[in-house]
Amino acid sequence: MMVLKTSLKHRNSTTKHRCLRVSGATSMSLYNTTGGCFYGNENKMGKQETSLVIECNKDDDHKSKDEDLPLTPGAMMFHQPHLNCYILSILGYGTKVDFDLMRQGLDRTLLRHPRFRSIQVLDKHGRGKWVESEVTVNDHIVIPDVSGIKTVMEADQFVEDYISDLSTTRLDFVRPLWDVHVLNVKTSEAESVAIIRIHHSIGDGVSLVSLLLASFRKSSDPSSLPTIPTKGSGSADARVRNGWVGFVWVFLYGLVTMVSVIWNTFVDTLGFLATSHGLKDTDTLIKGREGCELKKKRFVHKTVLLADVKAVKRAIDGTINDVLLGITSAGLTRYLCRRYEENGDGNLPKKIRLRSLLLVNVRKTPGILDMSEMMAGKNNKKQEFGNWIGYIMLPIPIAHHNDPLDYARIGKKIINRKKSSWEAFVSFSTARVFIKLFGIKSLTLHFQSYMNKIKMVIAADETAIPDPHQLCNDISDSLDRMKNAIDATGN
């Protein structure tokens, strides 16, 4: 199963707390913007320790405040064993980072959001809640020594190793659960790099991307928020305007669709139950072994052109997600074939069962204006910010096809079938059990569209996937093969 995620002086808050050690482990990510998943460090027993803050007795200085909001089930889920999950957002800059300006910017943006100035506290009943605390921005900025790096090649390797090493460390739970690592080195893609690490209990990727965009302003008008293009609502279906015939047709179509959705949801739920009772993926060379979620992760990435993905999308009359599933299927097939040949294990096994967990946003995407107003204290939509994600169990076909476009066509069929199901909503309502059963394993793939490019990111357990750069190349090469197939036919 895979997933398609300082040590400076601290100013104490007025709330008194002590620490309780509990077991846990996990993670996630972005880049340039980029993404992937990691867990935390292991102790000698093979399990990671994390800290939750325990509230002192009410007889002490702290009185419960009305604004102390409870932790949502989604936030508590990421404090479960094997799910101490982090999001990494790696940003590339066109200039060197000015540390004073960065501190000022964080003060004016992230620190104005309630989640980024709050710690997570357990009361005497074991219930989690957010408690706002006083924050010193310097406590959350890490600036490593990069004086020994002389070449771009060395810088690229340093950044890759640094991100990988972050998967073996954890945040201090007596502070708000985020930090920023500034690497002022020139890489092959940027003049400098900043890595934002955020505990997943603060929010999911959709919330955090919306918050990130709300922190920017237009270069043409520094007082204005960026404008994000949206799709129009479209015209009404012409059949509705055709009197009673159109009404009957729409009614019957809706009825058939509803029956199909209910049936597909039932089948998908049975699939979850079968998996929890022993239905496993095929034991391939890339299948993670017990405890792989605790291992150090290697993060690699590659950029492909959005125009190429759209060209394949048009050729199969599908969507961008159909194409991404297709190139993932094709790339993994090529990678596995090579691994089996190199290991002397013969040809690729037939009828491989390989499934991934696809994370799905199950609520309306937070608006940029809402986020900006929240940071400015003009609204109080704290409860809408957080983790509202469901999961879809998505099969990844591993097979040879003479026509490269067949991978994308099959991906389209799979995704169309999954769209006709409430699987994501069912898994959202049972997220704790779902994640406990499946967890995050040896491979995470993340696709981020930005500035007419798609950044493809792989987070891999190197004990199962020792050459993640090769896998990344195989997936991007699969897109090239599809594009060449289109060119060859003149479409």
Protein backbone atom coordinates (compact mmCIF):
# COMPACT_ATOMS: atom_id res chain seq x y z
CA MET A 1 0.00 0.00 0.00
CA MET A 2 1.33 3.46 -0.83
CA VAL A 3 0.09 7.05 -0.54
CA LEU A 4 -0.65 9.14 -3.78
CA LYS A 5 1.78 14.39 1.98
CA THR A 6 15.99 25.66 17.41
CA SER A 7 17.13 25.66 19.85
CA LEU A 8 16.55 29.27 20.91
CA LYS A 9 15.18 30.88 24.04
CA HIS A 10 11.47 30.15 24.48
CA ARG A 11 9.10 32.68 26.02
CA ASN A 12 6.65 30.79 28.22
CA SER A 13 2.95 31.45 28.00
CA THR A 14 0.87 32.34 31.03
CA THR A 15 -0.51 28.80 31.03
CA LYS A 16 1.34 26.24 33.11
CA HIS A 17 1.92 22.84 31.50
CA ARG A 18 3.92 19.71 31.93
CA CYS A 19 4.88 17.10 29.33
CA LEU A 20 3.62 13.57 28.85
CA ARG A 21 5.47 11.19 26.51
CA VAL A 22 3.36 9.08 24.21
CA SER A 23 4.19 6.84 21.30
CA GLY A 24 3.55 7.84 17.71
CA ALA A 25 5.02 8.23 14.19
CA THR A 26 4.53 9.63 10.54
CA SER A 27 4.35 12.64 7.99
CA MET A 28 3.77 14.52 4.63
CA SER A 29 5.09 17.36 2.29
CA LEU A 30 5.31 19.90 -0.73
CA TYR A 31 8.13 21.58 -2.89
CA ASN A 32 8.58 24.82 -4.79
CA THR A 33 5.92 24.01 -3.91
CA THR A 34 6.71 20.26 -3.43
CA GLY A 35 5.33 17.31 -1.40
CA GLY A 36 5.90 13.90 0.25
CA CYS A 37 5.55 12.01 3.53
CA PHE A 38 7.81 11.15 6.46
CA TYR A 39 7.51 9.84 9.97
CA GLY A 40 9.59 10.87 12.97
CA ASN A 41 12.71 9.51 14.59
CA GLU A 42 12.94 6.08 16.14
CA ASN A 43 14.02 5.28 19.65
CA LYS A 44 15.87 2.11 20.57
CA MET A 45 12.61 0.18 20.80
CA GLY A 46 11.74 1.06 17.20
CA LYS A 47 8.94 3.45 18.10
CA GLN A 48 8.94 7.20 17.95
CA GLU A 49 8.20 9.34 20.97
CA THR A 50 6.16 12.51 20.74
CA SER A 51 5.15 14.97 23.42
CA LEU A 52 1.67 16.19 24.22
CA VAL A 53 1.16 18.97 26.71
CA ILE A 54 -0.89 18.25 29.82
CA GLU A 55 -2.77 21.14 31.44
CA CYS A 56 -2.06 21.70 35.11
CA ASN A 57 -4.82 21.71 37.69
CA LYS A 58 -7.36 24.51 37.41
CA ASP A 59 -6.23 25.66 40.87
CA ASP A 60 -3.06 26.94 39.20
CA ASP A 61 -2.85 30.18 37.26
CA HIS A 62 -4.80 29.13 34.20
CA LYS A 63 -8.54 29.41 33.89
CA SER A 64 -10.26 27.83 30.95
CA LYS A 65 -11.07 30.46 28.32
CA ASP A 66 -14.11 30.56 26.11
CA GLU A 67 -11.83 30.86 23.09
CA ASP A 68 -10.00 27.61 23.89
CA LEU A 69 -11.38 25.42 21.10
CA PRO A 70 -11.41 21.61 21.30
CA LEU A 71 -9.17 19.59 19.00
CA THR A 72 -11.22 18.09 16.19
CA PRO A 73 -11.22 14.31 15.64
CA GLY A 74 -9.06 14.99 12.58
CA ALA A 75 -6.45 16.78 14.68
CA MET A 76 -6.49 14.10 17.38
CA MET A 77 -6.07 11.44 14.71
CA PHE A 78 -2.59 12.78 13.93
CA HIS A 79 -1.53 12.20 17.52
CA GLN A 80 -2.28 8.48 17.32
CA PRO A 81 0.53 5.90 17.37
CA HIS A 82 2.13 5.68 13.90
CA LEU A 83 0.53 8.97 12.87
CA ASN A 84 2.66 11.75 14.34
CA CYS A 85 2.36 13.38 10.94
CA TYR A 86 4.12 16.44 9.51
CA ILE A 87 3.68 18.50 6.35
CA LEU A 88 6.79 19.86 4.67
CA SER A 89 6.48 22.82 2.33
CA ILE A 90 9.71 23.58 0.47
CA LEU A 91 9.82 26.97 -1.23
CA GLY A 92 12.39 28.13 -3.77
CA TYR A 93 13.26 31.86 -3.89
CA GLY A 94 14.65 34.03 -6.69
CA THR A 95 16.92 35.90 -4.24
CA LYS A 96 18.75 35.24 -1.00
CA VAL A 97 16.49 35.25 2.04
CA ASP A 98 16.60 38.43 4.13
CA PHE A 99 16.15 37.07 7.66
CA ASP A 100 14.85 40.33 9.14
CA LEU A 101 12.21 40.63 6.40
CA MET A 102 11.26 36.96 6.91
CA ARG A 103 10.73 37.51 10.63
CA GLN A 104 8.59 40.57 9.94
CA GLY A 105 6.63 38.66 7.31
CA LEU A 106 5.94 35.74 9.67
CA ASP A 107 4.78 38.19 12.35
CA ARG A 108 2.32 39.77 9.91
CA THR A 109 1.01 36.53 8.40
CA LEU A 110 1.34 33.06 9.99
CA LEU A 111 1.55 34.31 13.57
CA ARG A 112 -1.76 36.12 13.14
CA HIS A 113 -3.49 32.82 12.50
CA PRO A 114 -4.77 31.25 15.75
CA ARG A 115 -3.40 27.78 14.97
CA PHE A 116 0.16 29.07 14.58
CA ARG A 117 0.22 30.77 17.96
CA SER A 118 -1.54 28.00 19.90
CA ILE A 119 -0.27 24.91 21.67
CA GLN A 120 -2.24 21.68 21.95
CA VAL A 121 -3.23 20.78 25.47
CA LEU A 122 -4.84 17.76 27.10
CA ASP A 123 -7.14 18.57 30.01
CA LYS A 124 -7.56 16.32 33.04
CA HIS A 125 -10.27 14.37 31.19
CA GLY A 126 -7.92 13.57 28.30
CA ARG A 127 -9.69 15.93 25.89
CA GLY A 128 -7.51 17.94 23.55
CA LYS A 129 -7.91 21.68 22.99
CA TRP A 130 -6.12 24.67 21.49
CA VAL A 131 -4.67 27.19 23.95
CA GLU A 132 -3.20 30.41 22.61
CA SER A 133 0.30 31.20 23.89
CA GLU A 134 2.88 33.93 23.50
CA VAL A 135 5.17 33.20 20.57
CA THR A 136 8.68 34.40 19.80
CA VAL A 137 9.26 34.05 16.07
CA ASN A 138 12.99 33.37 16.53
CA ASP A 139 12.07 30.18 18.38
CA HIS A 140 10.64 28.86 15.14
CA ILE A 141 13.41 29.77 12.68
CA VAL A 142 16.35 27.44 12.07
CA ILE A 143 19.35 28.67 10.07
CA PRO A 144 21.92 25.90 9.42
CA ASP A 145 25.57 26.58 8.57
CA VAL A 146 26.00 26.40 4.77
CA SER A 147 29.42 28.06 4.52
CA GLY A 148 31.10 24.86 3.30
CA ILE A 149 28.90 24.51 0.20
CA LYS A 150 30.68 25.78 -2.91
CA THR A 151 28.91 24.35 -5.97
CA VAL A 152 25.33 24.00 -7.19
CA MET A 153 25.68 20.21 -7.22
CA GLU A 154 26.76 20.24 -3.58
CA ALA A 155 23.84 22.55 -2.75
CA ASP A 156 21.31 20.23 -4.42
CA GLN A 157 22.60 17.26 -2.45
CA PHE A 158 22.73 19.27 0.78
CA VAL A 159 19.09 20.33 0.44
CA GLU A 160 17.98 16.77 -0.38
CA ASP A 161 19.90 15.35 2.59
CA TYR A 162 18.66 18.10 4.92
CA ILE A 163 15.02 17.38 4.05
CA SER A 164 15.60 13.66 4.52
CA ASP A 165 17.21 14.27 7.92
CA LEU A 166 14.13 16.23 9.01
CA SER A 167 12.21 12.95 8.81
CA THR A 168 14.23 11.75 11.81
CA THR A 169 13.43 14.71 14.08
CA ARG A 170 10.31 16.07 15.74
CA LEU A 171 8.89 19.33 17.01
CA ASP A 172 8.71 20.40 20.65
CA PHE A 173 5.08 20.22 21.77
CA VAL A 174 5.47 22.97 24.38
CA ARG A 175 5.51 25.42 21.45
CA PRO A 176 3.16 25.85 18.50
CA LEU A 177 3.88 22.96 16.15
CA TRP A 178 5.71 24.56 13.24
CA ASP A 179 9.15 25.83 12.27
CA VAL A 180 10.96 27.32 9.27
CA HIS A 181 14.40 26.18 8.07
CA VAL A 182 16.25 28.70 5.88
CA LEU A 183 18.95 27.35 3.55
CA ASN A 184 20.66 30.28 1.85
CA VAL A 185 22.36 28.21 -0.85
CA LYS A 186 22.04 28.46 -4.62
CA THR A 187 20.57 25.28 -6.07
CA SER A 188 19.83 24.28 -9.65
CA GLU A 189 16.30 25.68 -9.26
CA ALA A 190 16.52 28.58 -6.80
CA GLU A 191 18.81 31.15 -5.22
CA SER A 192 17.78 29.99 -1.76
CA VAL A 193 15.38 27.54 -0.11
CA ALA A 194 13.03 27.69 2.87
CA ILE A 195 11.46 24.59 4.41
CA ILE A 196 8.28 25.05 6.44
CA ARG A 197 7.51 22.11 8.73
CA ILE A 198 3.99 21.97 10.17
CA HIS A 199 2.41 19.28 12.30
CA HIS A 200 -0.53 17.77 10.43
CA SER A 201 -2.85 18.32 13.40
CA ILE A 202 -2.83 22.05 12.55
CA GLY A 203 -4.47 21.51 9.17
CA ASP A 204 -4.52 19.58 5.91
CA GLY A 205 -2.89 20.54 2.64
CA VAL A 206 -5.94 22.37 1.29
CA SER A 207 -6.19 24.59 4.39
CA LEU A 208 -2.46 25.32 4.42
CA VAL A 209 -2.20 26.11 0.71
CA SER A 210 -5.13 28.52 1.08
CA LEU A 211 -3.38 30.09 4.06
CA LEU A 212 -0.12 30.36 2.12
CA LEU A 213 -1.86 32.14 -0.76
CA ALA A 214 -3.59 34.48 1.71
CA SER A 215 -0.14 35.49 2.97
CA PHE A 216 0.85 36.82 -0.48
CA ARG A 217 -0.02 40.14 -2.10
CA LYS A 218 -0.03 41.29 -5.73
CA SER A 219 3.24 42.79 -6.93
CA SER A 220 1.20 45.35 -8.89
CA ASP A 221 -0.82 46.28 -5.78
CA PRO A 222 0.82 45.32 -2.44
CA SER A 223 -2.47 45.92 -0.62
CA SER A 224 -4.46 43.39 -2.70
CA LEU A 225 -4.78 39.64 -2.28
CA PRO A 226 -3.81 37.45 -5.27
CA THR A 227 -6.58 36.62 -7.71
CA ILE A 228 -7.26 32.92 -8.26
CA PRO A 229 -9.12 31.94 -11.47
CA THR A 230 -12.34 30.01 -10.94
CA LYS A 231 -14.56 27.99 -13.19
CA GLY A 232 -17.90 29.42 -14.21
CA SER A 233 -21.08 27.73 -13.07
CA GLY A 234 -22.02 26.88 -16.67
CA SER A 235 -25.41 27.00 -18.29
CA ALA A 236 -28.34 24.91 -17.18
CA ASP A 237 -28.84 21.56 -18.82
CA ALA A 238 -30.86 22.06 -21.99
CA ARG A 239 -32.98 19.00 -21.19
CA VAL A 240 -34.44 20.78 -18.14
CA ARG A 241 -35.89 23.40 -20.47
CA ASN A 242 -37.64 20.82 -22.68
CA GLY A 243 -40.84 20.54 -20.65
CA TRP A 244 -42.02 17.33 -19.01
CA VAL A 245 -39.89 15.12 -21.30
CA GLY A 246 -36.75 16.82 -20.09
CA PHE A 247 -37.94 16.60 -16.47
CA VAL A 248 -38.58 12.86 -16.75
CA TRP A 249 -35.19 12.29 -18.38
CA VAL A 250 -33.37 14.22 -15.66
CA PHE A 251 -35.32 12.38 -12.94
CA LEU A 252 -34.50 8.94 -14.37
CA TYR A 253 -30.86 9.88 -14.92
CA GLY A 254 -30.60 11.11 -11.32
CA LEU A 255 -32.26 7.93 -10.00
CA VAL A 256 -29.88 5.65 -11.91
CA THR A 257 -26.91 7.73 -10.78
CA MET A 258 -28.00 7.54 -7.14
CA VAL A 259 -28.43 3.77 -7.28
CA SER A 260 -24.99 3.46 -8.91
CA VAL A 261 -23.37 5.64 -6.23
CA ILE A 262 -24.95 3.66 -3.40
CA TRP A 263 -23.91 0.35 -4.93
CA ASN A 264 -20.34 1.52 -5.59
CA THR A 265 -20.06 2.86 -2.04
CA PHE A 266 -21.21 -0.50 -0.70
CA VAL A 267 -18.63 -2.34 -2.82
CA ASP A 268 -15.85 0.05 -1.78
CA THR A 269 -16.76 -0.37 1.89
CA LEU A 270 -16.55 -4.13 1.46
CA GLY A 271 -13.09 -3.58 -0.01
CA PHE A 272 -12.02 -1.76 3.16
CA LEU A 273 -13.40 -4.56 5.31
CA ALA A 274 -11.68 -7.24 3.21
CA THR A 275 -8.36 -5.38 3.48
CA SER A 276 -8.69 -5.05 7.24
CA HIS A 277 -9.32 -8.81 7.45
CA GLY A 278 -6.32 -9.97 5.47
CA LEU A 279 -6.66 -8.93 1.82
CA LYS A 280 -3.11 -7.69 1.16
CA ASP A 281 -1.21 -6.28 -1.78
CA THR A 282 1.08 -8.57 -3.75
CA ASP A 283 4.46 -9.03 -2.07
CA THR A 284 6.57 -7.10 -4.61
CA LEU A 285 10.08 -5.66 -4.31
CA ILE A 286 8.70 -2.23 -3.39
CA LYS A 287 6.30 -3.40 -0.69
CA GLY A 288 7.22 -1.90 2.65
CA ARG A 289 8.12 -4.22 5.49
CA GLU A 290 6.93 -4.00 9.09
CA GLY A 291 7.99 -0.69 10.60
CA CYS A 292 8.83 0.99 7.27
CA GLU A 293 6.73 4.00 8.30
CA LEU A 294 9.32 4.70 10.99
CA LYS A 295 12.30 4.62 8.65
CA LYS A 296 14.14 7.65 7.32
CA LYS A 297 12.62 8.93 4.08
CA ARG A 298 14.35 10.19 0.94
CA PHE A 299 12.57 13.06 -0.85
CA VAL A 300 13.19 13.52 -4.58
CA HIS A 301 11.35 15.61 -7.14
CA LYS A 302 11.11 16.41 -10.81
CA THR A 303 9.26 19.01 -12.89
CA VAL A 304 7.07 18.23 -15.90
CA LEU A 305 5.19 20.65 -18.13
CA LEU A 306 1.50 21.14 -17.47
CA ALA A 307 1.03 21.60 -21.23
CA ASP A 308 2.24 18.02 -21.84
CA VAL A 309 -0.20 16.67 -19.27
CA LYS A 310 -3.03 18.65 -20.87
CA ALA A 311 -2.10 17.31 -24.31
CA VAL A 312 -2.54 13.74 -23.05
CA LYS A 313 -5.73 14.77 -21.26
CA ARG A 314 -7.23 16.01 -24.52
CA ALA A 315 -6.12 12.89 -26.40
CA ILE A 316 -8.03 10.59 -24.03
CA ASP A 317 -10.87 13.07 -23.40
CA GLY A 318 -10.14 12.85 -19.70
CA THR A 319 -8.84 14.93 -16.80
CA ILE A 320 -5.42 15.83 -15.44
CA ASN A 321 -5.89 13.34 -12.60
CA ASP A 322 -6.58 10.58 -15.16
CA VAL A 323 -3.22 11.34 -16.78
CA LEU A 324 -1.36 11.47 -13.46
CA LEU A 325 -2.72 8.05 -12.49
CA GLY A 326 -1.75 6.76 -15.94
CA ILE A 327 1.87 7.94 -15.78
CA THR A 328 2.14 6.61 -12.22
CA SER A 329 0.94 3.19 -13.39
CA ALA A 330 3.29 3.21 -16.39
CA GLY A 331 6.25 4.46 -14.36
CA LEU A 332 5.82 1.87 -11.61
CA THR A 333 5.50 -0.88 -14.23
CA ARG A 334 8.80 0.15 -15.85
CA TYR A 335 10.51 0.49 -12.48
CA LEU A 336 9.37 -2.91 -11.22
CA CYS A 337 10.38 -4.62 -14.48
CA ARG A 338 13.89 -3.22 -14.13
CA ARG A 339 14.16 -4.19 -10.47
CA TYR A 340 13.11 -7.78 -11.13
CA GLU A 341 15.59 -8.07 -14.02
CA GLU A 342 18.46 -6.58 -12.01
CA ASN A 343 17.73 -8.79 -9.00
CA GLY A 344 17.69 -11.91 -11.16
CA ASP A 345 14.12 -12.69 -10.12
CA GLY A 346 12.94 -13.16 -13.69
CA ASN A 347 10.00 -11.44 -15.31
CA LEU A 348 7.45 -9.26 -13.60
CA PRO A 349 4.87 -11.37 -11.71
CA LYS A 350 1.42 -11.49 -13.28
CA LYS A 351 -1.77 -10.11 -11.72
CA ILE A 352 -0.02 -7.84 -9.25
CA ARG A 353 -2.35 -6.21 -6.72
CA LEU A 354 -0.98 -2.76 -5.89
CA ARG A 355 -3.17 -0.14 -4.25
CA SER A 356 -2.68 3.41 -3.09
CA LEU A 357 -4.52 5.70 -0.70
CA LEU A 358 -5.66 8.86 -2.44
CA LEU A 359 -6.36 11.76 -0.08
CA VAL A 360 -9.50 13.74 -0.92
CA ASN A 361 -10.73 17.09 0.39
CA VAL A 362 -14.33 16.60 1.61
CA ARG A 363 -15.29 20.21 2.33
CA LYS A 364 -15.44 23.50 0.51
CA THR A 365 -11.94 24.86 -0.06
CA PRO A 366 -11.23 27.73 2.36
CA GLY A 367 -11.26 31.04 0.50
CA ILE A 368 -8.23 33.32 0.39
CA LEU A 369 -10.32 36.22 1.70
CA ASP A 370 -11.58 34.10 4.62
CA MET A 371 -8.02 33.16 5.56
CA SER A 372 -6.82 36.75 5.27
CA GLU A 373 -9.67 38.01 7.46
CA MET A 374 -8.99 35.25 10.01
CA MET A 375 -5.35 36.36 10.28
CA ALA A 376 -6.54 39.97 10.64
CA GLY A 377 -8.97 38.94 13.39
CA LYS A 378 -12.05 39.94 11.35
CA ASN A 379 -13.76 36.56 11.45
CA ASN A 380 -13.76 33.49 13.64
CA LYS A 381 -13.86 30.49 11.33
CA LYS A 382 -11.31 28.53 13.35
CA GLN A 383 -13.40 25.38 13.28
CA GLU A 384 -13.44 25.37 9.46
CA PHE A 385 -9.65 25.31 9.35
CA GLY A 386 -8.18 21.88 9.95
CA ASN A 387 -8.22 18.32 8.65
CA TRP A 388 -11.20 17.48 6.46
CA ILE A 389 -9.81 14.69 4.35
CA GLY A 390 -11.21 11.37 3.22
CA TYR A 391 -9.39 8.47 1.61
CA ILE A 392 -9.95 6.48 -1.56
CA MET A 393 -8.35 3.10 -2.10
CA LEU A 394 -7.09 3.42 -5.66
CA PRO A 395 -5.76 0.41 -7.61
CA ILE A 396 -2.53 1.00 -9.56
CA PRO A 397 -2.50 -1.32 -12.61
CA ILE A 398 0.88 -2.99 -13.20
CA ALA A 399 0.92 -4.36 -16.74
CA HIS A 400 2.53 -3.91 -20.17
CA HIS A 401 0.70 -2.00 -22.93
CA ASN A 402 1.94 -1.44 -26.47
CA ASP A 403 0.17 1.91 -26.68
CA PRO A 404 1.46 4.25 -23.92
CA LEU A 405 -1.88 6.08 -23.92
CA ASP A 406 -3.62 2.92 -22.72
CA TYR A 407 -2.23 3.59 -19.23
CA ALA A 408 -4.02 6.94 -19.16
CA ARG A 409 -7.22 5.46 -20.62
CA ILE A 410 -7.30 2.80 -17.90
CA GLY A 411 -6.58 5.46 -15.30
CA LYS A 412 -9.59 7.38 -16.59
CA LYS A 413 -11.86 4.35 -16.13
CA ILE A 414 -10.61 3.80 -12.58
CA ILE A 415 -11.09 7.41 -11.54
CA ASN A 416 -14.52 7.69 -13.19
CA ARG A 417 -15.59 4.64 -11.19
CA LYS A 418 -14.27 6.16 -7.95
CA LYS A 419 -16.04 9.46 -8.64
CA SER A 420 -19.32 7.55 -8.57
CA SER A 421 -18.93 6.63 -4.90
CA TRP A 422 -19.12 8.17 -1.44
CA GLU A 423 -16.02 6.24 -0.42
CA ALA A 424 -14.14 9.39 0.67
CA PHE A 425 -16.97 10.48 2.98
CA VAL A 426 -17.23 7.02 4.54
CA SER A 427 -13.47 6.90 5.18
CA PHE A 428 -13.54 10.45 6.59
CA SER A 429 -16.11 9.44 9.19
CA THR A 430 -13.96 6.46 10.24
CA ALA A 431 -10.56 8.07 9.66
CA ARG A 432 -8.93 6.93 12.90
CA VAL A 433 -9.72 3.27 12.30
CA PHE A 434 -8.88 3.60 8.61
CA ILE A 435 -5.42 5.08 9.20
CA LYS A 436 -4.68 2.64 12.02
CA LEU A 437 -5.36 -0.24 9.63
CA PHE A 438 -3.47 1.06 6.60
CA GLY A 439 -1.07 3.79 7.73
CA ILE A 440 1.45 5.44 5.42
CA LYS A 441 3.90 2.97 3.96
CA SER A 442 7.10 2.89 1.90
CA LEU A 443 6.14 5.26 -0.94
CA THR A 444 4.33 8.57 -1.20
CA LEU A 445 3.69 10.43 -4.46
CA HIS A 446 2.66 14.07 -4.52
CA PHE A 447 1.77 16.21 -7.54
CA GLN A 448 1.63 20.00 -7.21
CA SER A 449 0.59 22.25 -10.10
CA TYR A 450 2.21 25.70 -10.10
CA MET A 451 3.03 28.30 -12.79
CA ASN A 452 2.23 26.02 -15.76
CA LYS A 453 4.37 23.24 -14.33
CA ILE A 454 3.68 20.16 -12.26
CA LYS A 455 6.14 19.30 -9.53
CA MET A 456 6.23 15.55 -8.94
CA VAL A 457 7.58 14.55 -5.53
CA ILE A 458 8.45 11.12 -4.19
CA ALA A 459 9.05 10.27 -0.55
CA ALA A 460 10.50 6.79 -0.29
CA ASP A 461 11.80 4.35 2.28
CA GLU A 462 15.20 3.52 0.79
CA THR A 463 15.15 0.01 2.23
CA ALA A 464 12.26 -0.77 -0.15
CA ILE A 465 13.05 1.73 -2.93
CA PRO A 466 16.84 2.25 -2.94
CA ASP A 467 16.85 4.39 -6.10
CA PRO A 468 13.91 6.85 -5.84
CA HIS A 469 15.53 9.12 -8.46
CA GLN A 470 15.13 6.31 -11.01
CA LEU A 471 11.48 5.84 -10.11
CA CYS A 472 10.94 9.58 -10.50
CA ASN A 473 12.56 9.45 -13.96
CA ASP A 474 10.47 6.43 -14.97
CA ILE A 475 7.25 8.29 -14.17
CA SER A 476 8.29 11.45 -16.05
CA ASP A 477 9.57 9.35 -18.99
CA SER A 478 6.15 7.70 -19.16
CA LEU A 479 4.61 11.12 -19.76
CA ASP A 480 7.14 11.74 -22.56
CA ARG A 481 6.17 8.44 -24.19
CA MET A 482 2.50 9.37 -24.12
CA LYS A 483 3.26 12.78 -25.62
CA ASN A 484 5.39 11.15 -28.36
CA ALA A 485 2.55 8.73 -29.12
CA ILE A 486 0.22 11.70 -29.64
CA ASP A 487 2.75 13.45 -31.90
CA ALA A 488 3.21 10.28 -33.94
CA THR A 489 -0.50 10.12 -34.73
CA GLY A 490 -0.68 13.81 -35.61
CA ASN A 491 -3.33 14.56 -32.95
